[in-house]
Amino acid sequence: MRRTRESVHSTYLFPAIVIMLIAQPVVASLFAAASELLALPLIVTLVAMIWSIDGSGRWLRPGIALGSAAFASFLAGHMLGRSELEITSGVLTALLGGLCVVLGVISLFRSSEITFSSLLVAMSVYLLMGAMFGLVFDLCHQVEPAWFHGVTPAGRAAVTAELIYFSLGTLTGTAYGDILPVQPIVRALTNVEAVVGQLYIAVLVARLVSSYVGERDEPNG
């Protein structure tokens, strides 16, 4: 069963996360409405990720509940034109993504055997951290656009794409300074993301890669 879950993650979930991160800004620049609908496959992917990394199975039902609520809130808000429902969906999706990140880190630390799929889980969690912080920044921008300087007012989908770009730059330490947080709470969140991103690479990913290489070399020793 564990192998099956790892196979699902490596075959479908990791590529899905990468494709959505690439597709969102591209689709946002061409078809804004279609870009917003990418929230639906993201929610499904997050629930599937919880299933693939939660060995105990205790978090699957809460994950399905969060995902279903986020899915329903998004559809209702989109069809009824109710921005508060879309914000609710964003909050629930961010919580769902945060749960995925926490379960992923716990799973990696508890893993007794480091496989190629484990490395893909680690990369998925890293990318998800950037995406989820981006969603949080997007929610903050919806509350008060003046909390950020440099965000182009080109529609909801374009703003989301820019803030995910800002988030990934913050996470990896490659931000160019074209978007700046100016509100204290948002600045604090930015600092948290920057520190977590560097610690994740320095501690967890380095440990996984060294263990993986060591396990591969062991039979030849």
C-alpha atoms as a PDB file:
ATOM      1  CA  MET A   1       0.000   0.000   0.000  1.00  0.00           C
ATOM      2  CA  ARG A   2       2.845   2.376   0.858  1.00  0.00           C
ATOM      3  CA  ARG A   3       4.484   1.638  -2.495  1.00  0.00           C
ATOM      4  CA  THR A   4       1.179   2.288  -4.260  1.00  0.00           C
ATOM      5  CA  ARG A   5       0.824   5.685  -2.590  1.00  0.00           C
ATOM      6  CA  GLU A   6       4.409   6.598  -3.409  1.00  0.00           C
ATOM      7  CA  SER A   7       3.825   5.554  -7.006  1.00  0.00           C
ATOM      8  CA  VAL A   8       0.703   7.729  -7.246  1.00  0.00           C
ATOM      9  CA  HIS A   9       2.612  10.685  -5.862  1.00  0.00           C
ATOM     10  CA  SER A  10       5.621  10.318  -8.129  1.00  0.00           C
ATOM     11  CA  THR A  11       3.535   9.528 -11.222  1.00  0.00           C
ATOM     12  CA  TYR A  12       0.693  12.031 -10.884  1.00  0.00           C
ATOM     13  CA  LEU A  13       0.838  14.435  -7.942  1.00  0.00           C
ATOM     14  CA  PHE A  14       4.324  15.910  -8.287  1.00  0.00           C
ATOM     15  CA  PRO A  15       3.877  16.559 -12.040  1.00  0.00           C
ATOM     16  CA  ALA A  16       0.415  18.021 -11.354  1.00  0.00           C
ATOM     17  CA  ILE A  17       1.818  20.539  -8.853  1.00  0.00           C
ATOM     18  CA  VAL A  18       4.598  21.568 -11.240  1.00  0.00           C
ATOM     19  CA  ILE A  19       2.212  21.888 -14.187  1.00  0.00           C
ATOM     20  CA  MET A  20      -0.248  24.038 -12.208  1.00  0.00           C
ATOM     21  CA  LEU A  21       2.512  26.372 -11.024  1.00  0.00           C
ATOM     22  CA  ILE A  22       3.657  26.803 -14.623  1.00  0.00           C
ATOM     23  CA  ALA A  23       0.174  26.985 -16.126  1.00  0.00           C
ATOM     24  CA  GLN A  24      -1.356  29.527 -13.723  1.00  0.00           C
ATOM     25  CA  PRO A  25       0.598  32.629 -14.806  1.00  0.00           C
ATOM     26  CA  VAL A  26       0.453  31.612 -18.487  1.00  0.00           C
ATOM     27  CA  VAL A  27      -3.294  31.003 -18.457  1.00  0.00           C
ATOM     28  CA  ALA A  28      -3.837  34.139 -16.329  1.00  0.00           C
ATOM     29  CA  SER A  29      -2.237  36.264 -19.033  1.00  0.00           C
ATOM     30  CA  LEU A  30      -4.405  34.718 -21.750  1.00  0.00           C
ATOM     31  CA  PHE A  31      -7.687  33.594 -20.181  1.00  0.00           C
ATOM     32  CA  ALA A  32      -8.282  35.091 -16.728  1.00  0.00           C
ATOM     33  CA  ALA A  33     -11.527  33.204 -16.069  1.00  0.00           C
ATOM     34  CA  ALA A  34      -9.947  29.868 -16.999  1.00  0.00           C
ATOM     35  CA  SER A  35      -7.007  30.621 -14.701  1.00  0.00           C
ATOM     36  CA  GLU A  36      -9.318  31.070 -11.729  1.00  0.00           C
ATOM     37  CA  LEU A  37     -10.790  27.623 -12.398  1.00  0.00           C
ATOM     38  CA  LEU A  38      -7.357  26.078 -11.770  1.00  0.00           C
ATOM     39  CA  ALA A  39      -8.282  26.368  -8.093  1.00  0.00           C
ATOM     40  CA  LEU A  40     -10.509  23.309  -8.525  1.00  0.00           C
ATOM     41  CA  PRO A  41      -7.827  20.830  -9.709  1.00  0.00           C
ATOM     42  CA  LEU A  42      -5.508  22.306  -7.069  1.00  0.00           C
ATOM     43  CA  ILE A  43      -7.995  21.389  -4.327  1.00  0.00           C
ATOM     44  CA  VAL A  44      -8.367  17.853  -5.715  1.00  0.00           C
ATOM     45  CA  THR A  45      -4.576  17.491  -5.919  1.00  0.00           C
ATOM     46  CA  LEU A  46      -4.151  18.615  -2.298  1.00  0.00           C
ATOM     47  CA  VAL A  47      -6.689  16.060  -1.044  1.00  0.00           C
ATOM     48  CA  ALA A  48      -4.981  13.335  -3.090  1.00  0.00           C
ATOM     49  CA  MET A  49      -1.638  14.394  -1.653  1.00  0.00           C
ATOM     50  CA  ILE A  50      -2.958  14.003   1.895  1.00  0.00           C
ATOM     51  CA  TRP A  51      -4.033  10.462   1.000  1.00  0.00           C
ATOM     52  CA  SER A  52      -0.602   9.690  -0.452  1.00  0.00           C
ATOM     53  CA  ILE A  53       1.507  10.935   2.477  1.00  0.00           C
ATOM     54  CA  ASP A  54      -0.696  10.345   5.541  1.00  0.00           C
ATOM     55  CA  GLY A  55       0.342   6.871   6.601  1.00  0.00           C
ATOM     56  CA  SER A  56      -2.050   6.786   9.569  1.00  0.00           C
ATOM     57  CA  GLY A  57      -5.086   7.779   7.504  1.00  0.00           C
ATOM     58  CA  ARG A  58      -6.435   9.908  10.349  1.00  0.00           C
ATOM     59  CA  TRP A  59      -6.155  13.169   8.397  1.00  0.00           C
ATOM     60  CA  LEU A  60      -7.856  12.001   5.223  1.00  0.00           C
ATOM     61  CA  ARG A  61     -11.406  12.747   6.401  1.00  0.00           C
ATOM     62  CA  PRO A  62     -10.539  16.255   7.665  1.00  0.00           C
ATOM     63  CA  GLY A  63      -8.733  16.805   4.371  1.00  0.00           C
ATOM     64  CA  ILE A  64     -11.754  15.696   2.355  1.00  0.00           C
ATOM     65  CA  ALA A  65     -14.001  17.932   4.488  1.00  0.00           C
ATOM     66  CA  LEU A  66     -11.742  20.958   3.964  1.00  0.00           C
ATOM     67  CA  GLY A  67     -11.411  20.207   0.256  1.00  0.00           C
ATOM     68  CA  SER A  68     -15.150  19.753  -0.222  1.00  0.00           C
ATOM     69  CA  ALA A  69     -15.888  23.013   1.597  1.00  0.00           C
ATOM     70  CA  ALA A  70     -13.259  24.863  -0.459  1.00  0.00           C
ATOM     71  CA  PHE A  71     -14.581  23.340  -3.689  1.00  0.00           C
ATOM     72  CA  ALA A  72     -18.205  24.215  -2.887  1.00  0.00           C
ATOM     73  CA  SER A  73     -17.334  27.742  -1.716  1.00  0.00           C
ATOM     74  CA  PHE A  74     -15.398  28.429  -4.888  1.00  0.00           C
ATOM     75  CA  LEU A  75     -18.160  27.182  -7.175  1.00  0.00           C
ATOM     76  CA  ALA A  76     -20.844  29.093  -5.266  1.00  0.00           C
ATOM     77  CA  GLY A  77     -18.792  32.276  -5.212  1.00  0.00           C
ATOM     78  CA  HIS A  78     -17.918  31.969  -8.904  1.00  0.00           C
ATOM     79  CA  MET A  79     -21.502  31.318 -10.016  1.00  0.00           C
ATOM     80  CA  LEU A  80     -23.134  33.855  -7.685  1.00  0.00           C
ATOM     81  CA  GLY A  81     -20.471  36.513  -8.009  1.00  0.00           C
ATOM     82  CA  ARG A  82     -19.939  36.595  -4.237  1.00  0.00           C
ATOM     83  CA  SER A  83     -16.376  37.645  -3.471  1.00  0.00           C
ATOM     84  CA  GLU A  84     -16.682  36.678   0.195  1.00  0.00           C
ATOM     85  CA  LEU A  85     -17.331  33.067  -0.807  1.00  0.00           C
ATOM     86  CA  GLU A  86     -14.262  33.074  -3.035  1.00  0.00           C
ATOM     87  CA  ILE A  87     -12.203  34.484  -0.163  1.00  0.00           C
ATOM     88  CA  THR A  88     -13.571  31.711   2.067  1.00  0.00           C
ATOM     89  CA  SER A  89     -12.518  29.163  -0.555  1.00  0.00           C
ATOM     90  CA  GLY A  90      -9.047  30.710  -0.632  1.00  0.00           C
ATOM     91  CA  VAL A  91      -8.724  30.481   3.160  1.00  0.00           C
ATOM     92  CA  LEU A  92      -9.845  26.844   3.161  1.00  0.00           C
ATOM     93  CA  THR A  93      -7.487  25.984   0.299  1.00  0.00           C
ATOM     94  CA  ALA A  94      -4.574  27.611   2.136  1.00  0.00           C
ATOM     95  CA  LEU A  95      -5.437  25.585   5.259  1.00  0.00           C
ATOM     96  CA  LEU A  96      -5.631  22.420   3.168  1.00  0.00           C
ATOM     97  CA  GLY A  97      -2.260  23.188   1.619  1.00  0.00           C
ATOM     98  CA  GLY A  98      -0.789  23.917   5.037  1.00  0.00           C
ATOM     99  CA  LEU A  99      -2.023  20.525   6.251  1.00  0.00           C
ATOM    100  CA  CYS A 100      -0.326  18.901   3.253  1.00  0.00           C
ATOM    101  CA  VAL A 101       2.954  20.653   4.068  1.00  0.00           C
ATOM    102  CA  VAL A 102       2.868  19.611   7.745  1.00  0.00           C
ATOM    103  CA  LEU A 103       1.960  15.998   6.948  1.00  0.00           C
ATOM    104  CA  GLY A 104       4.612  15.885   4.241  1.00  0.00           C
ATOM    105  CA  VAL A 105       7.366  17.074   6.590  1.00  0.00           C
ATOM    106  CA  ILE A 106       6.252  14.619   9.309  1.00  0.00           C
ATOM    107  CA  SER A 107       6.172  11.787   6.768  1.00  0.00           C
ATOM    108  CA  LEU A 108       9.685  12.576   5.551  1.00  0.00           C
ATOM    109  CA  PHE A 109      11.140  12.730   9.052  1.00  0.00           C
ATOM    110  CA  ARG A 110       9.484   9.435  10.006  1.00  0.00           C
ATOM    111  CA  SER A 111      10.470   7.602   6.838  1.00  0.00           C
ATOM    112  CA  SER A 112      12.871   4.746   7.572  1.00  0.00           C
ATOM    113  CA  GLU A 113      13.736   4.295   3.898  1.00  0.00           C
ATOM    114  CA  ILE A 114      14.592   7.152   1.546  1.00  0.00           C
ATOM    115  CA  THR A 115      13.445   6.474  -2.017  1.00  0.00           C
ATOM    116  CA  PHE A 116      13.247   8.528  -5.192  1.00  0.00           C
ATOM    117  CA  SER A 117       9.555   9.046  -4.403  1.00  0.00           C
ATOM    118  CA  SER A 118      10.545  10.468  -1.011  1.00  0.00           C
ATOM    119  CA  LEU A 119      12.654  13.079  -2.783  1.00  0.00           C
ATOM    120  CA  LEU A 120       9.702  13.958  -5.024  1.00  0.00           C
ATOM    121  CA  VAL A 121       7.503  14.343  -1.936  1.00  0.00           C
ATOM    122  CA  ALA A 122      10.114  16.694  -0.484  1.00  0.00           C
ATOM    123  CA  MET A 123      10.123  18.783  -3.659  1.00  0.00           C
ATOM    124  CA  SER A 124       6.314  18.795  -3.769  1.00  0.00           C
ATOM    125  CA  VAL A 125       6.171  20.075  -0.189  1.00  0.00           C
ATOM    126  CA  TYR A 126       8.699  22.797  -1.026  1.00  0.00           C
ATOM    127  CA  LEU A 127       6.713  23.971  -4.046  1.00  0.00           C
ATOM    128  CA  LEU A 128       3.482  23.801  -2.063  1.00  0.00           C
ATOM    129  CA  MET A 129       4.947  26.060   0.614  1.00  0.00           C
ATOM    130  CA  GLY A 130       5.572  28.686  -2.039  1.00  0.00           C
ATOM    131  CA  ALA A 131       2.113  28.267  -3.548  1.00  0.00           C
ATOM    132  CA  MET A 132       0.315  28.372  -0.189  1.00  0.00           C
ATOM    133  CA  PHE A 133       2.183  31.442   1.024  1.00  0.00           C
ATOM    134  CA  GLY A 134       1.269  32.966  -2.332  1.00  0.00           C
ATOM    135  CA  LEU A 135      -2.409  32.256  -1.661  1.00  0.00           C
ATOM    136  CA  VAL A 136      -2.094  33.848   1.787  1.00  0.00           C
ATOM    137  CA  PHE A 137      -0.486  36.930   0.252  1.00  0.00           C
ATOM    138  CA  ASP A 138      -3.278  37.010  -2.325  1.00  0.00           C
ATOM    139  CA  LEU A 139      -5.881  36.930   0.462  1.00  0.00           C
ATOM    140  CA  CYS A 140      -4.047  39.773   2.218  1.00  0.00           C
ATOM    141  CA  HIS A 141      -4.068  41.742  -1.036  1.00  0.00           C
ATOM    142  CA  GLN A 142      -7.814  41.210  -1.364  1.00  0.00           C
ATOM    143  CA  VAL A 143      -8.275  42.615   2.138  1.00  0.00           C
ATOM    144  CA  GLU A 144      -6.113  45.675   1.406  1.00  0.00           C
ATOM    145  CA  PRO A 145      -4.244  46.125  -1.915  1.00  0.00           C
ATOM    146  CA  ALA A 146      -2.091  48.891  -0.396  1.00  0.00           C
ATOM    147  CA  TRP A 147      -0.289  46.273   1.719  1.00  0.00           C
ATOM    148  CA  PHE A 148       1.868  45.536  -1.355  1.00  0.00           C
ATOM    149  CA  HIS A 149       3.735  47.878  -3.676  1.00  0.00           C
ATOM    150  CA  GLY A 150       4.459  46.866  -7.251  1.00  0.00           C
ATOM    151  CA  VAL A 151       1.496  44.552  -7.868  1.00  0.00           C
ATOM    152  CA  THR A 152       0.002  45.300 -11.287  1.00  0.00           C
ATOM    153  CA  PRO A 153      -3.783  45.946 -11.097  1.00  0.00           C
ATOM    154  CA  ALA A 154      -4.554  43.704 -14.053  1.00  0.00           C
ATOM    155  CA  GLY A 155      -7.377  41.579 -12.652  1.00  0.00           C
ATOM    156  CA  ARG A 156      -7.774  38.938  -9.967  1.00  0.00           C
ATOM    157  CA  ALA A 157      -6.032  36.099 -11.833  1.00  0.00           C
ATOM    158  CA  ALA A 158      -3.040  38.273 -12.778  1.00  0.00           C
ATOM    159  CA  VAL A 159      -2.667  39.517  -9.198  1.00  0.00           C
ATOM    160  CA  THR A 160      -2.689  35.931  -7.916  1.00  0.00           C
ATOM    161  CA  ALA A 161       0.004  34.988 -10.438  1.00  0.00           C
ATOM    162  CA  GLU A 162       2.177  37.946  -9.386  1.00  0.00           C
ATOM    163  CA  LEU A 163       1.862  37.148  -5.684  1.00  0.00           C
ATOM    164  CA  ILE A 164       2.705  33.465  -6.219  1.00  0.00           C
ATOM    165  CA  TYR A 165       5.732  34.673  -8.181  1.00  0.00           C
ATOM    166  CA  PHE A 166       6.617  36.965  -5.266  1.00  0.00           C
ATOM    167  CA  SER A 167       6.142  34.093  -2.821  1.00  0.00           C
ATOM    168  CA  LEU A 168       8.373  31.681  -4.738  1.00  0.00           C
ATOM    169  CA  GLY A 169      11.034  34.383  -4.974  1.00  0.00           C
ATOM    170  CA  THR A 170      10.827  34.926  -1.215  1.00  0.00           C
ATOM    171  CA  LEU A 171      10.957  31.186  -0.486  1.00  0.00           C
ATOM    172  CA  THR A 172      14.022  30.607  -2.642  1.00  0.00           C
ATOM    173  CA  GLY A 173      15.800  33.859  -1.771  1.00  0.00           C
ATOM    174  CA  THR A 174      15.716  35.069  -5.384  1.00  0.00           C
ATOM    175  CA  ALA A 175      13.128  37.875  -5.081  1.00  0.00           C
ATOM    176  CA  TYR A 176      14.025  40.817  -7.314  1.00  0.00           C
ATOM    177  CA  GLY A 177      12.419  43.588  -5.267  1.00  0.00           C
ATOM    178  CA  ASP A 178       9.805  44.464  -7.881  1.00  0.00           C
ATOM    179  CA  ILE A 179       7.012  43.616  -5.388  1.00  0.00           C
ATOM    180  CA  LEU A 180       7.375  44.877  -1.825  1.00  0.00           C
ATOM    181  CA  PRO A 181       5.325  44.132   1.315  1.00  0.00           C
ATOM    182  CA  VAL A 182       4.719  47.351   3.253  1.00  0.00           C
ATOM    183  CA  GLN A 183       2.341  46.257   6.025  1.00  0.00           C
ATOM    184  CA  PRO A 184       3.919  44.874   9.242  1.00  0.00           C
ATOM    185  CA  ILE A 185       1.920  41.619   9.323  1.00  0.00           C
ATOM    186  CA  VAL A 186       2.656  40.883   5.668  1.00  0.00           C
ATOM    187  CA  ARG A 187       6.322  41.703   6.217  1.00  0.00           C
ATOM    188  CA  ALA A 188       6.384  39.270   9.144  1.00  0.00           C
ATOM    189  CA  LEU A 189       4.836  36.544   6.973  1.00  0.00           C
ATOM    190  CA  THR A 190       7.453  37.255   4.316  1.00  0.00           C
ATOM    191  CA  ASN A 191      10.232  36.868   6.877  1.00  0.00           C
ATOM    192  CA  VAL A 192       8.737  33.591   8.115  1.00  0.00           C
ATOM    193  CA  GLU A 193       8.559  32.218   4.571  1.00  0.00           C
ATOM    194  CA  ALA A 194      12.146  33.237   3.795  1.00  0.00           C
ATOM    195  CA  VAL A 195      13.512  31.598   6.959  1.00  0.00           C
ATOM    196  CA  VAL A 196      11.411  28.428   6.563  1.00  0.00           C
ATOM    197  CA  GLY A 197      12.450  28.107   2.921  1.00  0.00           C
ATOM    198  CA  GLN A 198      16.158  28.277   3.715  1.00  0.00           C
ATOM    199  CA  LEU A 199      15.912  25.926   6.714  1.00  0.00           C
ATOM    200  CA  TYR A 200      13.903  23.424   4.672  1.00  0.00           C
ATOM    201  CA  ILE A 201      16.615  23.213   2.024  1.00  0.00           C
ATOM    202  CA  ALA A 202      19.511  23.295   4.501  1.00  0.00           C
ATOM    203  CA  VAL A 203      18.128  20.717   6.936  1.00  0.00           C
ATOM    204  CA  LEU A 204      15.495  18.425   5.460  1.00  0.00           C
ATOM    205  CA  VAL A 205      16.329  18.223   1.763  1.00  0.00           C
ATOM    206  CA  ALA A 206      20.081  17.974   2.421  1.00  0.00           C
ATOM    207  CA  ARG A 207      19.429  15.127   4.909  1.00  0.00           C
ATOM    208  CA  LEU A 208      17.180  13.287   2.457  1.00  0.00           C
ATOM    209  CA  VAL A 209      19.590  13.572  -0.459  1.00  0.00           C
ATOM    210  CA  SER A 210      22.591  12.443   1.611  1.00  0.00           C
ATOM    211  CA  SER A 211      20.615   9.495   3.030  1.00  0.00           C
ATOM    212  CA  TYR A 212      19.369   8.541  -0.434  1.00  0.00           C
ATOM    213  CA  VAL A 213      22.900   8.601  -1.882  1.00  0.00           C
ATOM    214  CA  GLY A 214      24.225   6.669   1.123  1.00  0.00           C
ATOM    215  CA  GLU A 215      21.587   3.947   0.754  1.00  0.00           C
ATOM    216  CA  ARG A 216      22.351   3.573  -2.966  1.00  0.00           C
ATOM    217  CA  ASP A 217      26.090   3.301  -2.333  1.00  0.00           C
ATOM    218  CA  GLU A 218      25.787   0.905   0.635  1.00  0.00           C
ATOM    219  CA  PRO A 219      25.528  -2.377  -1.361  1.00  0.00           C
ATOM    220  CA  ASN A 220      28.688  -1.463  -3.225  1.00  0.00           C
ATOM    221  CA  GLY A 221      30.633  -0.771   0.011  1.00  0.00           C
END
